Structure formats: structure tokens, C-alpha cells
Amino acid sequence: MEKINYTKVICVTLMKIGLMVLVFFTLNNWPNIKQSFGGEVPQFHVWLDHGFTLSNLILICLLSVVFFFNTYKKHKELAEKRANYTEL
């Protein structure tokens, strides 16, 4: 059986987490983004207060674990397929 590349699993998971944080931050701050297009930029702490609430942080942590295990499962299946292929 071939070994699973954990660095690749972690890198893919971190990319998914980064994209998820970007989406959450954009959706939660959409009114501030629209306001800043008009020239009225809110203070930085307002952006952070709306962007990272406790519920979002909990959701990010839970989805991070789900993403990691899904990616791990896919890589494990691929490693098993490669091992079966090389045995032939």
C-alpha cells in the first residue's frame, strides 16, 4: 500500500479554508462594501466585527474538519487504487 501525501492533503484543506473565509467575509460585509463604493468607508473594527462572528468561526472550524477528512478519504482511495494497479 502506498503512503498518503499528508502535505498535499493539508495544502488542499488550507486552500479550501482560505476560500471559505473569503466568501464569509465578503457576504457578511456586503453592506460595508457597497457603502465604500460610494466613498464612505467604515472604520476597520466595523469590518472585523461583522466579518468574524462566533457563529462563523465555529462554522469555519467544523467545515475545516469536514474538508480535511473528505480530502484524506479521497487520497486514501487513490493510494489504494495505485497499490492495486501496481500489484497487477
Protein backbone atom coordinates (compact mmCIF):
# COMPACT_ATOMS: atom_id res chain seq x y z
CA MET A 1 0.00 0.00 0.00
CA GLU A 2 1.29 3.42 -0.93
CA LYS A 3 1.63 6.20 1.60
CA ILE A 4 -0.73 9.13 1.69
CA ASN A 5 0.81 12.53 0.98
CA TYR A 6 -0.29 14.45 4.08
CA THR A 7 1.29 17.72 2.97
CA LYS A 8 -0.89 17.69 -0.13
CA VAL A 9 -3.98 16.92 1.97
CA ILE A 10 -3.17 19.80 4.33
CA CYS A 11 -2.44 22.23 1.47
CA VAL A 12 -5.74 21.43 -0.27
CA THR A 13 -7.60 21.81 3.04
CA LEU A 14 -5.93 25.18 3.74
CA MET A 15 -6.87 26.44 0.27
CA LYS A 16 -10.49 25.45 0.87
CA ILE A 17 -10.44 27.16 4.28
CA GLY A 18 -8.99 30.33 2.75
CA LEU A 19 -11.68 30.43 0.09
CA MET A 20 -14.36 29.80 2.71
CA VAL A 21 -13.06 32.66 4.90
CA LEU A 22 -13.01 34.99 1.89
CA VAL A 23 -16.61 34.09 1.00
CA PHE A 24 -17.84 34.51 4.60
CA PHE A 25 -16.04 37.83 4.99
CA THR A 26 -17.43 39.14 1.68
CA LEU A 27 -21.02 38.05 2.38
CA ASN A 28 -21.05 39.39 5.94
CA ASN A 29 -19.56 42.74 4.92
CA TRP A 30 -21.51 43.28 1.73
CA PRO A 31 -23.34 46.38 3.09
CA ASN A 32 -19.97 47.89 4.09
CA ILE A 33 -18.53 47.06 0.67
CA LYS A 34 -21.47 48.76 -1.08
CA GLN A 35 -21.09 51.75 1.24
CA SER A 36 -17.37 52.03 0.48
CA PHE A 37 -18.09 52.20 -3.27
CA GLY A 38 -19.92 55.45 -2.52
CA GLY A 39 -16.86 56.90 -0.81
CA GLU A 40 -17.91 56.35 2.81
CA VAL A 41 -15.51 53.75 4.18
CA PRO A 42 -16.38 52.44 7.68
CA GLN A 43 -13.71 52.01 10.32
CA PHE A 44 -11.66 48.81 10.30
CA HIS A 45 -13.11 47.41 13.54
CA VAL A 46 -16.60 47.56 11.99
CA TRP A 47 -15.42 45.31 9.14
CA LEU A 48 -13.93 42.80 11.57
CA ASP A 49 -16.95 42.83 13.91
CA HIS A 50 -19.29 41.91 11.08
CA GLY A 51 -16.87 39.61 9.28
CA PHE A 52 -15.84 37.22 12.01
CA THR A 53 -18.63 36.44 14.43
CA LEU A 54 -18.59 33.49 16.81
CA SER A 55 -21.03 31.51 14.68
CA ASN A 56 -18.83 31.99 11.61
CA LEU A 57 -15.72 30.88 13.50
CA ILE A 58 -17.48 27.74 14.74
CA LEU A 59 -18.72 27.01 11.21
CA ILE A 60 -15.21 27.53 9.78
CA CYS A 61 -13.72 25.11 12.34
CA LEU A 62 -16.33 22.43 11.70
CA LEU A 63 -16.08 22.73 7.92
CA SER A 64 -12.28 22.59 8.17
CA VAL A 65 -12.50 19.19 9.83
CA VAL A 66 -15.01 18.01 7.22
CA PHE A 67 -12.80 19.25 4.36
CA PHE A 68 -9.74 17.57 5.86
CA PHE A 69 -11.39 14.18 6.26
CA ASN A 70 -13.02 14.29 2.82
CA THR A 71 -9.68 15.10 1.21
CA TYR A 72 -7.96 12.43 3.32
CA LYS A 73 -10.55 9.85 2.26
CA LYS A 74 -10.08 10.70 -1.42
CA HIS A 75 -6.31 10.44 -1.16
CA LYS A 76 -6.59 7.15 0.71
CA GLU A 77 -8.80 5.71 -2.03
CA LEU A 78 -6.37 6.89 -4.68
CA ALA A 79 -3.46 5.31 -2.82
CA GLU A 80 -5.35 2.01 -2.61
CA LYS A 81 -6.16 2.13 -6.33
CA ARG A 82 -2.50 2.79 -7.13
CA ALA A 83 -1.45 -0.08 -4.89
CA ASN A 84 -3.92 -2.42 -6.62
CA TYR A 85 -2.77 -1.24 -10.02
CA THR A 86 0.91 -1.83 -9.24
CA GLU A 87 0.18 -5.33 -7.93
CA LEU A 88 -1.11 -6.38 -11.33
